[in-house]
Amino acid sequence: MVHLGTDGNAEFLTGQIAPHRIVTLSFRLPGKIVERTVETGDPVHAGQLLARLDDTEVRQTLRAATADAQAARASLAQATPLQKRATALLPDRAISRNDYDEAVLRYRTAQQAVQSTAAREQIAREELDHTRLEANADGVITERLAEVGEVVAAGQPILRMAEAAGLDAQFDVSGDLLRSGLTVGATMTVCLDANRHVCTDGTLYELAPDADPLTRTYRAKVLLQTPPTTMTLGSVAVGRLAASAASDIHLPPSALTAQDGKTAVWVIAPDTMTVTLRPVEVSRYSASDVTVVSGLKAGERVVTAGVQALYPNQKISLLDDADVRP
């Protein structure tokens, strides 16, 4: 007799605790590292200085840009009254047209020079800021990728940081589990392997679209809702998927046969003890168990042995209840 699946539908996975977000930090400018203030494992806060480049050349560039900007503003301050005076004298023909045009041109040139040098000064200030590598969020340093004294390129990884934005549990799942209906949004209970009493709930938010070329498994990432403090990075975790739908029924593989190319089972009529072939839909296969999601009802009896020798309406007899898979 078949019955609805309960805890037998649960799937257990083994994985590890990982950061929800991990960021590779790098400088925007090339240069020589002259200071690093953190080590692997150090907690950091947003805005904290992590490393610094030699800024001698950048400071010189800033000084030159600042001097150019000051000179441009002085030229504009000198050209402004001359342009105003020329504009006032032109209607009375007290100034030639050429002198007027020259005063206006000098004024406009001074204006453009102020804008240009101010932009260069701002760029130089930003480049000076870029010689400082700061944390963009709270987190913990997980890897050190460059040392003091190294000359690094712009964008070269210097540090890796796990942001304090939550924790994930990462698992490698089989293709059979994906084909059984595992999708993003599924809920899971995650516990520490070392202490099964330390648990939390999580939500599956990412499934790898292709399998790993070596293991042929798919990486699944589960965002933990309220992870306990003892769930540290790298801890071995065990995940338990929520039980399958209540309509799932489990049978031994020996109960399956085929009808017109479709999976079917022999259902026993309780009043006549005859068998009828009925198509079923199977969601998951394993070596000792198959999960039927439609085609059968709780309380029905199916034949689990010798199915290849049966024919429709054949009358059978049961030896005892041990011959029928519940």
C-alpha atoms as a PDB file:
ATOM      1  CA  MET A   1       0.000   0.000   0.000  1.00  0.00           C
ATOM      2  CA  VAL A   2       1.331   3.402  -0.899  1.00  0.00           C
ATOM      3  CA  HIS A   3       1.153   6.423   1.410  1.00  0.00           C
ATOM      4  CA  LEU A   4       2.061  10.077   1.215  1.00  0.00           C
ATOM      5  CA  GLY A   5       5.699  10.943   1.811  1.00  0.00           C
ATOM      6  CA  THR A   6       6.751  12.841   4.967  1.00  0.00           C
ATOM      7  CA  ASP A   7      10.261  13.085   6.359  1.00  0.00           C
ATOM      8  CA  GLY A   8      11.454  10.554   3.841  1.00  0.00           C
ATOM      9  CA  ASN A   9      11.346  13.318   1.244  1.00  0.00           C
ATOM     10  CA  ALA A  10      13.901  15.467   3.020  1.00  0.00           C
ATOM     11  CA  GLU A  11      17.238  15.995   1.309  1.00  0.00           C
ATOM     12  CA  PHE A  12      20.443  16.541   3.284  1.00  0.00           C
ATOM     13  CA  LEU A  13      23.395  18.412   1.793  1.00  0.00           C
ATOM     14  CA  THR A  14      26.877  19.094   3.119  1.00  0.00           C
ATOM     15  CA  GLY A  15      28.622  22.371   2.405  1.00  0.00           C
ATOM     16  CA  GLN A  16      30.313  25.268   4.141  1.00  0.00           C
ATOM     17  CA  ILE A  17      29.616  28.726   5.540  1.00  0.00           C
ATOM     18  CA  ALA A  18      30.804  31.519   3.245  1.00  0.00           C
ATOM     19  CA  PRO A  19      30.443  35.312   3.087  1.00  0.00           C
ATOM     20  CA  HIS A  20      27.401  36.620   1.256  1.00  0.00           C
ATOM     21  CA  ARG A  21      29.568  39.212  -0.480  1.00  0.00           C
ATOM     22  CA  ILE A  22      33.337  39.166  -0.926  1.00  0.00           C
ATOM     23  CA  VAL A  23      35.094  42.165  -2.485  1.00  0.00           C
ATOM     24  CA  THR A  24      38.533  42.409  -4.081  1.00  0.00           C
ATOM     25  CA  LEU A  25      40.095  45.755  -3.159  1.00  0.00           C
ATOM     26  CA  SER A  26      42.617  47.534  -5.382  1.00  0.00           C
ATOM     27  CA  PHE A  27      44.114  50.958  -6.085  1.00  0.00           C
ATOM     28  CA  ARG A  28      42.869  53.074  -8.971  1.00  0.00           C
ATOM     29  CA  LEU A  29      46.415  54.316  -9.637  1.00  0.00           C
ATOM     30  CA  PRO A  30      49.719  52.515 -10.239  1.00  0.00           C
ATOM     31  CA  GLY A  31      52.428  53.026  -7.647  1.00  0.00           C
ATOM     32  CA  LYS A  32      54.552  51.643  -4.856  1.00  0.00           C
ATOM     33  CA  ILE A  33      52.874  50.420  -1.665  1.00  0.00           C
ATOM     34  CA  VAL A  34      54.457  52.189   1.316  1.00  0.00           C
ATOM     35  CA  GLU A  35      52.000  51.173   4.035  1.00  0.00           C
ATOM     36  CA  ARG A  36      49.507  48.410   4.851  1.00  0.00           C
ATOM     37  CA  THR A  37      47.563  48.698   8.085  1.00  0.00           C
ATOM     38  CA  VAL A  38      45.679  45.373   8.192  1.00  0.00           C
ATOM     39  CA  GLU A  39      46.436  41.661   8.202  1.00  0.00           C
ATOM     40  CA  THR A  40      44.423  38.620   7.209  1.00  0.00           C
ATOM     41  CA  GLY A  41      41.588  38.100   9.673  1.00  0.00           C
ATOM     42  CA  ASP A  42      41.424  41.702  10.867  1.00  0.00           C
ATOM     43  CA  PRO A  43      37.929  43.239  11.189  1.00  0.00           C
ATOM     44  CA  VAL A  44      37.594  46.578   9.388  1.00  0.00           C
ATOM     45  CA  HIS A  45      35.059  49.398   9.242  1.00  0.00           C
ATOM     46  CA  ALA A  46      33.786  51.485   6.347  1.00  0.00           C
ATOM     47  CA  GLY A  47      36.230  54.302   5.567  1.00  0.00           C
ATOM     48  CA  GLN A  48      39.141  52.709   7.440  1.00  0.00           C
ATOM     49  CA  LEU A  49      42.582  53.093   5.818  1.00  0.00           C
ATOM     50  CA  LEU A  50      43.848  49.710   4.639  1.00  0.00           C
ATOM     51  CA  ALA A  51      46.920  50.560   2.538  1.00  0.00           C
ATOM     52  CA  ARG A  52      48.684  53.566   0.998  1.00  0.00           C
ATOM     53  CA  LEU A  53      50.769  54.292  -2.098  1.00  0.00           C
ATOM     54  CA  ASP A  54      53.785  56.584  -2.332  1.00  0.00           C
ATOM     55  CA  ASP A  55      52.124  59.962  -3.029  1.00  0.00           C
ATOM     56  CA  THR A  56      55.204  62.163  -3.629  1.00  0.00           C
ATOM     57  CA  GLU A  57      54.653  62.576  -7.359  1.00  0.00           C
ATOM     58  CA  VAL A  58      50.893  63.005  -6.972  1.00  0.00           C
ATOM     59  CA  ARG A  59      51.386  65.774  -4.401  1.00  0.00           C
ATOM     60  CA  GLN A  60      53.740  67.594  -6.764  1.00  0.00           C
ATOM     61  CA  THR A  61      51.132  67.361  -9.505  1.00  0.00           C
ATOM     62  CA  LEU A  62      48.539  68.786  -7.132  1.00  0.00           C
ATOM     63  CA  ARG A  63      50.801  71.695  -6.174  1.00  0.00           C
ATOM     64  CA  ALA A  64      51.388  72.528  -9.828  1.00  0.00           C
ATOM     65  CA  ALA A  65      47.661  72.315 -10.600  1.00  0.00           C
ATOM     66  CA  THR A  66      46.856  74.533  -7.590  1.00  0.00           C
ATOM     67  CA  ALA A  67      49.388  77.149  -8.736  1.00  0.00           C
ATOM     68  CA  ASP A  68      47.924  77.156 -12.258  1.00  0.00           C
ATOM     69  CA  ALA A  69      44.430  77.591 -10.842  1.00  0.00           C
ATOM     70  CA  GLN A  70      45.529  80.534  -8.690  1.00  0.00           C
ATOM     71  CA  ALA A  71      47.217  82.214 -11.666  1.00  0.00           C
ATOM     72  CA  ALA A  72      44.083  81.738 -13.779  1.00  0.00           C
ATOM     73  CA  ARG A  73      41.901  83.314 -11.092  1.00  0.00           C
ATOM     74  CA  ALA A  74      44.299  86.276 -10.856  1.00  0.00           C
ATOM     75  CA  SER A  75      44.120  86.794 -14.618  1.00  0.00           C
ATOM     76  CA  LEU A  76      40.327  86.693 -14.481  1.00  0.00           C
ATOM     77  CA  ALA A  77      40.313  89.229 -11.629  1.00  0.00           C
ATOM     78  CA  GLN A  78      42.419  91.556 -13.791  1.00  0.00           C
ATOM     79  CA  ALA A  79      40.421  91.042 -16.985  1.00  0.00           C
ATOM     80  CA  THR A  80      36.973  91.516 -15.412  1.00  0.00           C
ATOM     81  CA  PRO A  81      37.151  95.299 -14.724  1.00  0.00           C
ATOM     82  CA  LEU A  82      38.763  95.931 -18.113  1.00  0.00           C
ATOM     83  CA  GLN A  83      35.882  94.130 -19.844  1.00  0.00           C
ATOM     84  CA  LYS A  84      33.316  96.096 -17.824  1.00  0.00           C
ATOM     85  CA  ARG A  85      35.054  99.392 -18.601  1.00  0.00           C
ATOM     86  CA  ALA A  86      35.258  98.610 -22.312  1.00  0.00           C
ATOM     87  CA  THR A  87      31.581  97.666 -22.384  1.00  0.00           C
ATOM     88  CA  ALA A  88      30.647 100.999 -20.763  1.00  0.00           C
ATOM     89  CA  LEU A  89      32.795 103.096 -23.131  1.00  0.00           C
ATOM     90  CA  LEU A  90      31.755 101.453 -26.391  1.00  0.00           C
ATOM     91  CA  PRO A  91      28.306 103.147 -26.742  1.00  0.00           C
ATOM     92  CA  ASP A  92      29.958 106.608 -26.452  1.00  0.00           C
ATOM     93  CA  ARG A  93      32.654 105.625 -28.981  1.00  0.00           C
ATOM     94  CA  ALA A  94      35.254 106.413 -26.328  1.00  0.00           C
ATOM     95  CA  ILE A  95      37.028 103.156 -27.187  1.00  0.00           C
ATOM     96  CA  SER A  96      37.809 101.578 -30.515  1.00  0.00           C
ATOM     97  CA  ARG A  97      36.073  98.456 -31.591  1.00  0.00           C
ATOM     98  CA  ASN A  98      39.391  96.592 -31.729  1.00  0.00           C
ATOM     99  CA  ASP A  99      40.233  97.528 -28.115  1.00  0.00           C
ATOM    100  CA  TYR A 100      36.753  96.471 -27.027  1.00  0.00           C
ATOM    101  CA  ASP A 101      37.035  93.086 -28.771  1.00  0.00           C
ATOM    102  CA  GLU A 102      40.482  92.553 -27.245  1.00  0.00           C
ATOM    103  CA  ALA A 103      39.160  93.248 -23.722  1.00  0.00           C
ATOM    104  CA  VAL A 104      36.224  90.862 -24.194  1.00  0.00           C
ATOM    105  CA  LEU A 105      38.499  88.142 -25.615  1.00  0.00           C
ATOM    106  CA  ARG A 106      40.921  88.503 -22.726  1.00  0.00           C
ATOM    107  CA  TYR A 107      38.034  88.219 -20.256  1.00  0.00           C
ATOM    108  CA  ARG A 108      36.560  85.111 -21.887  1.00  0.00           C
ATOM    109  CA  THR A 109      39.977  83.479 -22.166  1.00  0.00           C
ATOM    110  CA  ALA A 110      40.554  84.104 -18.468  1.00  0.00           C
ATOM    111  CA  GLN A 111      37.170  82.549 -17.653  1.00  0.00           C
ATOM    112  CA  GLN A 112      37.971  79.404 -19.632  1.00  0.00           C
ATOM    113  CA  ALA A 113      41.417  79.172 -18.028  1.00  0.00           C
ATOM    114  CA  VAL A 114      39.829  79.296 -14.566  1.00  0.00           C
ATOM    115  CA  GLN A 115      37.455  76.456 -15.460  1.00  0.00           C
ATOM    116  CA  SER A 116      40.231  74.355 -17.020  1.00  0.00           C
ATOM    117  CA  THR A 117      42.738  74.774 -14.199  1.00  0.00           C
ATOM    118  CA  ALA A 118      40.035  74.185 -11.557  1.00  0.00           C
ATOM    119  CA  ALA A 119      39.167  70.877 -13.234  1.00  0.00           C
ATOM    120  CA  ARG A 120      42.842  69.837 -13.324  1.00  0.00           C
ATOM    121  CA  GLU A 121      43.203  70.781  -9.665  1.00  0.00           C
ATOM    122  CA  GLN A 122      40.153  68.674  -8.760  1.00  0.00           C
ATOM    123  CA  ILE A 123      41.525  65.695 -10.712  1.00  0.00           C
ATOM    124  CA  ALA A 124      44.856  66.029  -8.910  1.00  0.00           C
ATOM    125  CA  ARG A 125      43.080  66.080  -5.529  1.00  0.00           C
ATOM    126  CA  GLU A 126      41.106  62.956  -6.440  1.00  0.00           C
ATOM    127  CA  GLU A 127      44.299  61.195  -7.523  1.00  0.00           C
ATOM    128  CA  LEU A 128      45.814  62.040  -4.167  1.00  0.00           C
ATOM    129  CA  ASP A 129      42.778  60.453  -2.486  1.00  0.00           C
ATOM    130  CA  HIS A 130      43.198  57.389  -4.697  1.00  0.00           C
ATOM    131  CA  THR A 131      46.631  56.742  -3.195  1.00  0.00           C
ATOM    132  CA  ARG A 132      44.726  55.681  -0.063  1.00  0.00           C
ATOM    133  CA  LEU A 133      42.943  52.317  -0.113  1.00  0.00           C
ATOM    134  CA  GLU A 134      39.940  52.435   2.221  1.00  0.00           C
ATOM    135  CA  ALA A 135      37.288  49.887   3.151  1.00  0.00           C
ATOM    136  CA  ASN A 136      33.999  50.491   1.388  1.00  0.00           C
ATOM    137  CA  ALA A 137      32.001  48.640   4.056  1.00  0.00           C
ATOM    138  CA  ASP A 138      32.324  46.833   7.367  1.00  0.00           C
ATOM    139  CA  GLY A 139      33.836  43.381   7.069  1.00  0.00           C
ATOM    140  CA  VAL A 140      36.855  41.187   7.664  1.00  0.00           C
ATOM    141  CA  ILE A 141      40.027  40.796   5.599  1.00  0.00           C
ATOM    142  CA  THR A 142      40.171  37.267   4.179  1.00  0.00           C
ATOM    143  CA  GLU A 143      43.271  37.409   1.976  1.00  0.00           C
ATOM    144  CA  ARG A 144      46.387  39.571   1.509  1.00  0.00           C
ATOM    145  CA  LEU A 145      47.508  39.755  -2.132  1.00  0.00           C
ATOM    146  CA  ALA A 146      50.309  42.357  -2.127  1.00  0.00           C
ATOM    147  CA  GLU A 147      53.080  43.414   0.238  1.00  0.00           C
ATOM    148  CA  VAL A 148      54.630  46.719   1.277  1.00  0.00           C
ATOM    149  CA  GLY A 149      57.350  47.706  -1.202  1.00  0.00           C
ATOM    150  CA  GLU A 150      55.668  46.177  -4.246  1.00  0.00           C
ATOM    151  CA  VAL A 151      54.993  48.322  -7.302  1.00  0.00           C
ATOM    152  CA  VAL A 152      51.431  47.539  -8.358  1.00  0.00           C
ATOM    153  CA  ALA A 153      49.343  48.369 -11.407  1.00  0.00           C
ATOM    154  CA  ALA A 154      46.023  50.158 -11.350  1.00  0.00           C
ATOM    155  CA  GLY A 155      43.291  47.643 -10.541  1.00  0.00           C
ATOM    156  CA  GLN A 156      45.701  44.948  -9.310  1.00  0.00           C
ATOM    157  CA  PRO A 157      44.133  43.010  -6.378  1.00  0.00           C
ATOM    158  CA  ILE A 158      45.623  44.081  -3.045  1.00  0.00           C
ATOM    159  CA  LEU A 159      43.218  42.659  -0.430  1.00  0.00           C
ATOM    160  CA  ARG A 160      40.068  40.551  -0.296  1.00  0.00           C
ATOM    161  CA  MET A 161      37.380  41.444   2.181  1.00  0.00           C
ATOM    162  CA  ALA A 162      34.258  39.583   3.264  1.00  0.00           C
ATOM    163  CA  GLU A 163      31.588  42.189   3.858  1.00  0.00           C
ATOM    164  CA  ALA A 164      29.545  42.022   7.040  1.00  0.00           C
ATOM    165  CA  ALA A 165      26.379  41.866   4.956  1.00  0.00           C
ATOM    166  CA  GLY A 166      25.328  38.370   5.949  1.00  0.00           C
ATOM    167  CA  LEU A 167      26.435  34.786   5.521  1.00  0.00           C
ATOM    168  CA  ASP A 168      25.762  32.126   2.919  1.00  0.00           C
ATOM    169  CA  ALA A 169      25.760  28.361   3.069  1.00  0.00           C
ATOM    170  CA  GLN A 170      27.173  26.965  -0.173  1.00  0.00           C
ATOM    171  CA  PHE A 171      26.416  23.426  -1.358  1.00  0.00           C
ATOM    172  CA  ASP A 172      27.218  21.306  -4.399  1.00  0.00           C
ATOM    173  CA  VAL A 173      23.984  19.625  -5.507  1.00  0.00           C
ATOM    174  CA  SER A 174      23.463  16.828  -7.992  1.00  0.00           C
ATOM    175  CA  GLY A 175      21.640  17.081 -11.276  1.00  0.00           C
ATOM    176  CA  ASP A 176      18.979  14.669  -9.975  1.00  0.00           C
ATOM    177  CA  LEU A 177      18.089  17.120  -7.238  1.00  0.00           C
ATOM    178  CA  LEU A 178      17.717  19.924  -9.766  1.00  0.00           C
ATOM    179  CA  ARG A 179      15.538  17.781 -11.992  1.00  0.00           C
ATOM    180  CA  SER A 180      13.355  16.932  -9.011  1.00  0.00           C
ATOM    181  CA  GLY A 181      12.207  20.556  -8.907  1.00  0.00           C
ATOM    182  CA  LEU A 182      14.781  22.396  -6.777  1.00  0.00           C
ATOM    183  CA  THR A 183      14.485  26.096  -7.662  1.00  0.00           C
ATOM    184  CA  VAL A 184      15.534  29.500  -6.399  1.00  0.00           C
ATOM    185  CA  GLY A 185      13.385  30.482  -3.445  1.00  0.00           C
ATOM    186  CA  ALA A 186      13.405  27.067  -1.763  1.00  0.00           C
ATOM    187  CA  THR A 187      13.780  27.134   2.018  1.00  0.00           C
ATOM    188  CA  MET A 188      16.389  25.157   3.909  1.00  0.00           C
ATOM    189  CA  THR A 189      17.413  24.555   7.485  1.00  0.00           C
ATOM    190  CA  VAL A 190      21.180  24.875   7.920  1.00  0.00           C
ATOM    191  CA  CYS A 191      23.045  23.477  10.938  1.00  0.00           C
ATOM    192  CA  LEU A 192      26.675  23.227  11.925  1.00  0.00           C
ATOM    193  CA  ASP A 193      28.073  19.770  11.294  1.00  0.00           C
ATOM    194  CA  ALA A 194      30.020  19.975  14.564  1.00  0.00           C
ATOM    195  CA  ASN A 195      26.898  20.927  16.544  1.00  0.00           C
ATOM    196  CA  ARG A 196      23.533  19.993  15.027  1.00  0.00           C
ATOM    197  CA  HIS A 197      21.769  22.121  17.663  1.00  0.00           C
ATOM    198  CA  VAL A 198      23.166  25.331  16.133  1.00  0.00           C
ATOM    199  CA  CYS A 199      20.782  25.952  13.238  1.00  0.00           C
ATOM    200  CA  THR A 200      19.119  28.694  11.258  1.00  0.00           C
ATOM    201  CA  ASP A 201      16.820  28.999   8.261  1.00  0.00           C
ATOM    202  CA  GLY A 202      17.934  30.103   4.831  1.00  0.00           C
ATOM    203  CA  THR A 203      16.632  30.803   1.349  1.00  0.00           C
ATOM    204  CA  LEU A 204      18.152  29.462  -1.855  1.00  0.00           C
ATOM    205  CA  TYR A 205      18.905  32.550  -3.972  1.00  0.00           C
ATOM    206  CA  GLU A 206      21.365  31.287  -6.588  1.00  0.00           C
ATOM    207  CA  LEU A 207      21.803  28.078  -8.586  1.00  0.00           C
ATOM    208  CA  ALA A 208      24.706  27.641 -10.986  1.00  0.00           C
ATOM    209  CA  PRO A 209      23.418  27.313 -14.562  1.00  0.00           C
ATOM    210  CA  ASP A 210      26.075  24.764 -15.534  1.00  0.00           C
ATOM    211  CA  ALA A 211      27.797  21.895 -13.766  1.00  0.00           C
ATOM    212  CA  ASP A 212      31.331  21.897 -12.448  1.00  0.00           C
ATOM    213  CA  PRO A 213      33.523  20.234 -15.114  1.00  0.00           C
ATOM    214  CA  LEU A 214      35.162  17.927 -12.572  1.00  0.00           C
ATOM    215  CA  THR A 215      32.440  17.003 -10.076  1.00  0.00           C
ATOM    216  CA  ARG A 216      29.429  17.482 -12.407  1.00  0.00           C
ATOM    217  CA  THR A 217      27.572  19.117  -9.534  1.00  0.00           C
ATOM    218  CA  TYR A 218      25.851  22.504  -9.365  1.00  0.00           C
ATOM    219  CA  ARG A 219      26.803  25.201  -6.855  1.00  0.00           C
ATOM    220  CA  ALA A 220      23.841  26.358  -4.739  1.00  0.00           C
ATOM    221  CA  LYS A 221      23.987  29.421  -2.480  1.00  0.00           C
ATOM    222  CA  VAL A 222      21.645  29.823   0.472  1.00  0.00           C
ATOM    223  CA  LEU A 223      21.331  33.172   2.284  1.00  0.00           C
ATOM    224  CA  LEU A 224      21.099  32.571   6.033  1.00  0.00           C
ATOM    225  CA  GLN A 225      18.442  34.667   7.751  1.00  0.00           C
ATOM    226  CA  THR A 226      19.794  35.036  11.303  1.00  0.00           C
ATOM    227  CA  PRO A 227      23.085  33.107  11.503  1.00  0.00           C
ATOM    228  CA  PRO A 228      24.332  32.401  15.047  1.00  0.00           C
ATOM    229  CA  THR A 229      27.681  33.904  16.024  1.00  0.00           C
ATOM    230  CA  THR A 230      29.183  30.405  16.162  1.00  0.00           C
ATOM    231  CA  MET A 231      28.573  29.984  12.410  1.00  0.00           C
ATOM    232  CA  THR A 232      31.981  31.288  11.374  1.00  0.00           C
ATOM    233  CA  LEU A 233      33.393  31.487   7.861  1.00  0.00           C
ATOM    234  CA  GLY A 234      34.572  28.119   6.589  1.00  0.00           C
ATOM    235  CA  SER A 235      32.540  26.055   9.055  1.00  0.00           C
ATOM    236  CA  VAL A 236      31.143  22.788   7.699  1.00  0.00           C
ATOM    237  CA  ALA A 237      27.366  23.021   7.418  1.00  0.00           C
ATOM    238  CA  VAL A 238      24.582  20.527   6.828  1.00  0.00           C
ATOM    239  CA  GLY A 239      21.493  21.716   4.989  1.00  0.00           C
ATOM    240  CA  ARG A 240      18.088  20.082   5.111  1.00  0.00           C
ATOM    241  CA  LEU A 241      15.687  20.937   2.332  1.00  0.00           C
ATOM    242  CA  ALA A 242      12.057  21.309   3.273  1.00  0.00           C
ATOM    243  CA  ALA A 243      10.028  18.161   2.720  1.00  0.00           C
ATOM    244  CA  SER A 244       8.544  17.684  -0.717  1.00  0.00           C
ATOM    245  CA  ALA A 245       4.904  18.268  -1.479  1.00  0.00           C
ATOM    246  CA  ALA A 246       2.452  16.132   0.447  1.00  0.00           C
ATOM    247  CA  SER A 247       1.372  14.379  -2.750  1.00  0.00           C
ATOM    248  CA  ASP A 248       4.786  12.745  -3.255  1.00  0.00           C
ATOM    249  CA  ILE A 249       4.811   8.953  -3.001  1.00  0.00           C
ATOM    250  CA  HIS A 250       7.903   6.735  -2.739  1.00  0.00           C
ATOM    251  CA  LEU A 251       8.217   3.335  -4.449  1.00  0.00           C
ATOM    252  CA  PRO A 252      11.036   0.897  -5.107  1.00  0.00           C
ATOM    253  CA  PRO A 253      12.448   1.039  -8.651  1.00  0.00           C
ATOM    254  CA  SER A 254      11.249  -2.551  -9.217  1.00  0.00           C
ATOM    255  CA  ALA A 255       7.634  -1.304  -9.238  1.00  0.00           C
ATOM    256  CA  LEU A 256       8.137   0.678 -12.444  1.00  0.00           C
ATOM    257  CA  THR A 257       7.359  -0.512 -15.937  1.00  0.00           C
ATOM    258  CA  ALA A 258       6.489   1.249 -19.197  1.00  0.00           C
ATOM    259  CA  GLN A 259       3.357   1.884 -21.273  1.00  0.00           C
ATOM    260  CA  ASP A 260       3.651   3.518 -24.687  1.00  0.00           C
ATOM    261  CA  GLY A 261       7.041   4.868 -23.761  1.00  0.00           C
ATOM    262  CA  LYS A 262       5.807   6.351 -20.472  1.00  0.00           C
ATOM    263  CA  THR A 263       6.507   5.283 -16.911  1.00  0.00           C
ATOM    264  CA  ALA A 264       3.703   3.208 -15.353  1.00  0.00           C
ATOM    265  CA  VAL A 265       2.910   0.947 -12.420  1.00  0.00           C
ATOM    266  CA  TRP A 266       0.519  -1.984 -11.902  1.00  0.00           C
ATOM    267  CA  VAL A 267      -2.304  -0.930  -9.552  1.00  0.00           C
ATOM    268  CA  ILE A 268      -4.220  -3.665  -7.685  1.00  0.00           C
ATOM    269  CA  ALA A 269      -8.035  -3.480  -7.552  1.00  0.00           C
ATOM    270  CA  PRO A 270      -8.909  -4.354  -3.930  1.00  0.00           C
ATOM    271  CA  ASP A 271     -12.285  -5.962  -4.751  1.00  0.00           C
ATOM    272  CA  THR A 272     -11.238  -8.212  -7.662  1.00  0.00           C
ATOM    273  CA  MET A 273      -7.507  -8.504  -6.931  1.00  0.00           C
ATOM    274  CA  THR A 274      -6.772  -7.780 -10.599  1.00  0.00           C
ATOM    275  CA  VAL A 275      -4.117  -5.395 -11.889  1.00  0.00           C
ATOM    276  CA  THR A 276      -4.398  -2.370 -14.143  1.00  0.00           C
ATOM    277  CA  LEU A 277      -1.522  -0.509 -15.770  1.00  0.00           C
ATOM    278  CA  ARG A 278      -1.542   3.165 -14.864  1.00  0.00           C
ATOM    279  CA  PRO A 279       0.859   5.927 -16.072  1.00  0.00           C
ATOM    280  CA  VAL A 280       2.626   7.894 -13.337  1.00  0.00           C
ATOM    281  CA  GLU A 281       4.946  10.892 -13.211  1.00  0.00           C
ATOM    282  CA  VAL A 282       8.263  10.415 -11.450  1.00  0.00           C
ATOM    283  CA  SER A 283      10.170  13.454 -10.188  1.00  0.00           C
ATOM    284  CA  ARG A 284      13.312  11.793  -8.839  1.00  0.00           C
ATOM    285  CA  TYR A 285      15.168   8.509  -9.240  1.00  0.00           C
ATOM    286  CA  SER A 286      17.738   6.894  -6.981  1.00  0.00           C
ATOM    287  CA  ALA A 287      19.236   3.432  -6.641  1.00  0.00           C
ATOM    288  CA  SER A 288      16.718   2.327  -3.990  1.00  0.00           C
ATOM    289  CA  ASP A 289      13.840   4.761  -4.307  1.00  0.00           C
ATOM    290  CA  VAL A 290      11.754   6.724  -6.825  1.00  0.00           C
ATOM    291  CA  THR A 291       9.448   9.644  -6.063  1.00  0.00           C
ATOM    292  CA  VAL A 292       6.030   9.650  -7.738  1.00  0.00           C
ATOM    293  CA  VAL A 293       4.337  13.059  -7.882  1.00  0.00           C
ATOM    294  CA  SER A 294       1.158  12.154  -9.768  1.00  0.00           C
ATOM    295  CA  GLY A 295      -0.840   9.106 -10.892  1.00  0.00           C
ATOM    296  CA  LEU A 296      -1.305   7.422  -7.514  1.00  0.00           C
ATOM    297  CA  LYS A 297      -3.378   8.078  -4.421  1.00  0.00           C
ATOM    298  CA  ALA A 298      -2.759   7.258  -0.816  1.00  0.00           C
ATOM    299  CA  GLY A 299      -4.133   3.856   0.137  1.00  0.00           C
ATOM    300  CA  GLU A 300      -3.776   2.248  -3.303  1.00  0.00           C
ATOM    301  CA  ARG A 301      -1.736  -0.935  -3.691  1.00  0.00           C
ATOM    302  CA  VAL A 302       0.850  -1.458  -6.404  1.00  0.00           C
ATOM    303  CA  VAL A 303       2.863  -4.476  -7.501  1.00  0.00           C
ATOM    304  CA  THR A 304       6.534  -4.138  -6.575  1.00  0.00           C
ATOM    305  CA  ALA A 305       7.941  -7.421  -7.957  1.00  0.00           C
ATOM    306  CA  GLY A 306       7.518  -9.371 -11.195  1.00  0.00           C
ATOM    307  CA  VAL A 307       5.919  -6.444 -13.019  1.00  0.00           C
ATOM    308  CA  GLN A 308       7.300  -7.551 -16.399  1.00  0.00           C
ATOM    309  CA  ALA A 309       5.287 -10.795 -16.296  1.00  0.00           C
ATOM    310  CA  LEU A 310       1.881  -9.182 -15.704  1.00  0.00           C
ATOM    311  CA  TYR A 311      -0.871  -8.322 -18.187  1.00  0.00           C
ATOM    312  CA  PRO A 312      -4.044  -6.188 -17.807  1.00  0.00           C
ATOM    313  CA  ASN A 313      -6.851  -7.610 -15.630  1.00  0.00           C
ATOM    314  CA  GLN A 314      -4.654 -10.462 -14.464  1.00  0.00           C
ATOM    315  CA  LYS A 315      -5.725 -11.769 -11.086  1.00  0.00           C
ATOM    316  CA  ILE A 316      -3.014 -11.957  -8.427  1.00  0.00           C
ATOM    317  CA  SER A 317      -2.680 -12.928  -4.803  1.00  0.00           C
ATOM    318  CA  LEU A 318      -0.554 -11.426  -2.052  1.00  0.00           C
ATOM    319  CA  LEU A 319       1.738 -13.533   0.069  1.00  0.00           C
ATOM    320  CA  ASP A 320       1.795 -11.074   2.968  1.00  0.00           C
ATOM    321  CA  ASP A 321       2.166  -7.386   3.643  1.00  0.00           C
ATOM    322  CA  ALA A 322       5.931  -7.608   3.369  1.00  0.00           C
ATOM    323  CA  ASP A 323       5.541  -8.067  -0.393  1.00  0.00           C
ATOM    324  CA  VAL A 324       3.885  -4.677  -0.755  1.00  0.00           C
ATOM    325  CA  ARG A 325       5.931  -1.511  -0.522  1.00  0.00           C
ATOM    326  CA  PRO A 326       4.182   1.064   1.691  1.00  0.00           C
END
